[in-house]
Structure formats: structure tokens, C-alpha cells
C-alpha atoms as a PDB file:
ATOM      1  CA  UNK A   1       8.650  10.012 -11.366  1.00  0.00           C
ATOM      2  CA  UNK A   2       5.293  11.664 -11.746  1.00  0.00           C
ATOM      3  CA  UNK A   3       3.000  12.620  -8.828  1.00  0.00           C
ATOM      4  CA  UNK A   4       0.598   9.546  -9.233  1.00  0.00           C
ATOM      5  CA  UNK A   5       3.655   7.196  -8.723  1.00  0.00           C
ATOM      6  CA  UNK A   6       5.011   9.102  -5.810  1.00  0.00           C
ATOM      7  CA  UNK A   7       1.684   9.067  -4.098  1.00  0.00           C
ATOM      8  CA  UNK A   8       1.562   5.296  -4.713  1.00  0.00           C
ATOM      9  CA  UNK A   9       5.311   4.880  -3.487  1.00  0.00           C
ATOM     10  CA  UNK A  10       4.553   6.905  -0.409  1.00  0.00           C
ATOM     11  CA  UNK A  11       2.009   4.228   0.639  1.00  0.00           C
ATOM     12  CA  UNK A  12      -1.327   5.310  -1.053  1.00  0.00           C
ATOM     13  CA  UNK A  13      -3.001   2.258  -2.616  1.00  0.00           C
ATOM     14  CA  UNK A  14      -3.583   2.519  -6.344  1.00  0.00           C
ATOM     15  CA  UNK A  15      -7.533   2.805  -6.070  1.00  0.00           C
ATOM     16  CA  UNK A  16      -7.066   5.746  -3.951  1.00  0.00           C
ATOM     17  CA  UNK A  17      -4.539   7.494  -5.984  1.00  0.00           C
ATOM     18  CA  UNK A  18      -7.071   6.987  -9.097  1.00  0.00           C
ATOM     19  CA  UNK A  19     -10.008   8.274  -7.045  1.00  0.00           C
ATOM     20  CA  UNK A  20      -7.965  11.322  -5.890  1.00  0.00           C
ATOM     21  CA  UNK A  21      -7.552  12.301  -9.699  1.00  0.00           C
ATOM     22  CA  UNK A  22     -11.116  11.741 -10.732  1.00  0.00           C
ATOM     23  CA  UNK A  23     -14.284  11.591  -8.291  1.00  0.00           C
ATOM     24  CA  UNK A  24     -12.499  13.046  -5.562  1.00  0.00           C
ATOM     25  CA  UNK A  25     -11.043  16.105  -7.541  1.00  0.00           C
ATOM     26  CA  UNK A  26     -14.533  16.437  -8.950  1.00  0.00           C
ATOM     27  CA  UNK A  27     -15.933  16.740  -5.498  1.00  0.00           C
ATOM     28  CA  UNK A  28     -13.294  19.326  -4.379  1.00  0.00           C
ATOM     29  CA  UNK A  29     -14.187  21.361  -7.358  1.00  0.00           C
ATOM     30  CA  UNK A  30     -17.808  21.246  -6.817  1.00  0.00           C
ATOM     31  CA  UNK A  31     -18.287  19.529 -10.425  1.00  0.00           C
ATOM     32  CA  UNK A  32     -19.413  16.080  -9.248  1.00  0.00           C
ATOM     33  CA  UNK A  33     -22.460  16.652 -11.250  1.00  0.00           C
ATOM     34  CA  UNK A  34     -20.588  16.855 -14.442  1.00  0.00           C
ATOM     35  CA  UNK A  35     -17.318  15.016 -14.010  1.00  0.00           C
ATOM     36  CA  UNK A  36     -15.488  12.393 -11.916  1.00  0.00           C
ATOM     37  CA  UNK A  37     -17.554   9.307 -12.638  1.00  0.00           C
ATOM     38  CA  UNK A  38     -18.668   7.434 -15.513  1.00  0.00           C
ATOM     39  CA  UNK A  39     -22.413   7.788 -15.495  1.00  0.00           C
ATOM     40  CA  UNK A  40     -25.480   9.281 -17.715  1.00  0.00           C
ATOM     41  CA  UNK A  41     -25.589  12.887 -17.701  1.00  0.00           C
ATOM     42  CA  UNK A  42     -21.864  13.449 -17.304  1.00  0.00           C
ATOM     43  CA  UNK A  43     -19.127  14.638 -19.713  1.00  0.00           C
ATOM     44  CA  UNK A  44     -17.807  11.399 -21.419  1.00  0.00           C
ATOM     45  CA  UNK A  45     -14.092  12.171 -20.833  1.00  0.00           C
ATOM     46  CA  UNK A  46     -12.241   8.697 -20.518  1.00  0.00           C
ATOM     47  CA  UNK A  47      -8.725   7.453 -20.733  1.00  0.00           C
ATOM     48  CA  UNK A  48      -7.694   3.655 -21.209  1.00  0.00           C
ATOM     49  CA  UNK A  49      -4.404   1.989 -20.810  1.00  0.00           C
ATOM     50  CA  UNK A  50      -3.278  -1.600 -21.658  1.00  0.00           C
ATOM     51  CA  UNK A  51      -2.533  -3.063 -18.445  1.00  0.00           C
ATOM     52  CA  UNK A  52      -4.256  -2.917 -14.922  1.00  0.00           C
ATOM     53  CA  UNK A  53      -3.310   0.272 -13.317  1.00  0.00           C
ATOM     54  CA  UNK A  54      -4.423  -1.199  -9.731  1.00  0.00           C
ATOM     55  CA  UNK A  55      -1.682  -3.598 -10.468  1.00  0.00           C
ATOM     56  CA  UNK A  56       1.010  -1.303 -11.943  1.00  0.00           C
ATOM     57  CA  UNK A  57       0.143   2.528 -11.191  1.00  0.00           C
ATOM     58  CA  UNK A  58       2.607   3.390 -13.866  1.00  0.00           C
ATOM     59  CA  UNK A  59       0.192   2.173 -16.533  1.00  0.00           C
ATOM     60  CA  UNK A  60      -1.396   5.567 -16.175  1.00  0.00           C
ATOM     61  CA  UNK A  61       1.659   7.181 -17.749  1.00  0.00           C
ATOM     62  CA  UNK A  62       1.209   5.246 -20.885  1.00  0.00           C
ATOM     63  CA  UNK A  63      -2.418   6.360 -22.093  1.00  0.00           C
ATOM     64  CA  UNK A  64      -3.648   4.397 -25.322  1.00  0.00           C
ATOM     65  CA  UNK A  65      -7.076   5.881 -25.545  1.00  0.00           C
ATOM     66  CA  UNK A  66      -8.590   9.111 -24.977  1.00  0.00           C
ATOM     67  CA  UNK A  67     -12.399  10.267 -25.286  1.00  0.00           C
ATOM     68  CA  UNK A  68     -13.255  13.817 -24.762  1.00  0.00           C
ATOM     69  CA  UNK A  69     -17.077  15.078 -24.826  1.00  0.00           C
ATOM     70  CA  UNK A  70     -17.858  11.608 -26.287  1.00  0.00           C
ATOM     71  CA  UNK A  71     -15.545  11.919 -29.032  1.00  0.00           C
ATOM     72  CA  UNK A  72     -12.440   9.483 -29.575  1.00  0.00           C
ATOM     73  CA  UNK A  73      -9.560  11.714 -29.930  1.00  0.00           C
ATOM     74  CA  UNK A  74      -6.651   9.128 -29.507  1.00  0.00           C
ATOM     75  CA  UNK A  75      -6.974   5.366 -30.121  1.00  0.00           C
ATOM     76  CA  UNK A  76      -3.775   3.457 -30.116  1.00  0.00           C
ATOM     77  CA  UNK A  77      -5.513   0.338 -28.643  1.00  0.00           C
ATOM     78  CA  UNK A  78      -6.281  -1.078 -32.253  1.00  0.00           C
ATOM     79  CA  UNK A  79      -2.982  -0.365 -33.476  1.00  0.00           C
ATOM     80  CA  UNK A  80      -0.644  -3.527 -33.679  1.00  0.00           C
END
């Protein structure tokens, strides 16, 4: 069981788990002007999953799409 799942199992809402690894982490590092949210002027680093991680946090264990610096480095979403 990974840390994200453990946090959720301990009672942290899924949205707060996701925020802890994105916008909150960026703020703690002092990088909120570069990463942590999706908005113009920030690095285009994204992941996507097939399902809804708010309904099932374990979806985050099965990343199907990765974009790094605006370039797609993995795309399993279009595969049958």
C-alpha cells in the first residue's frame, strides 16, 4: 500500500491527498510560481488516469498519461 492510499485509509479525503502532492507540496518547497497547479507560465507536468481518483484514490497507482515540460512522454490512454 503506497503512501497516498495509506493517507486516505487513515481518513484524509482524496482531494486533500491530491493537494498534498501537488499545490501544497509546491508551496512547501517555495515553487508555487513554477509547479503545483495547471495554469499559464508554469511547467506543463501532468499525469492522467482512466478513472476518478476522487472516487478511488488507487487510480493514482495506475498512471496512463504523462506530460513533462509540455511534451508527452507516455500515452496509454489511446491504446485499446
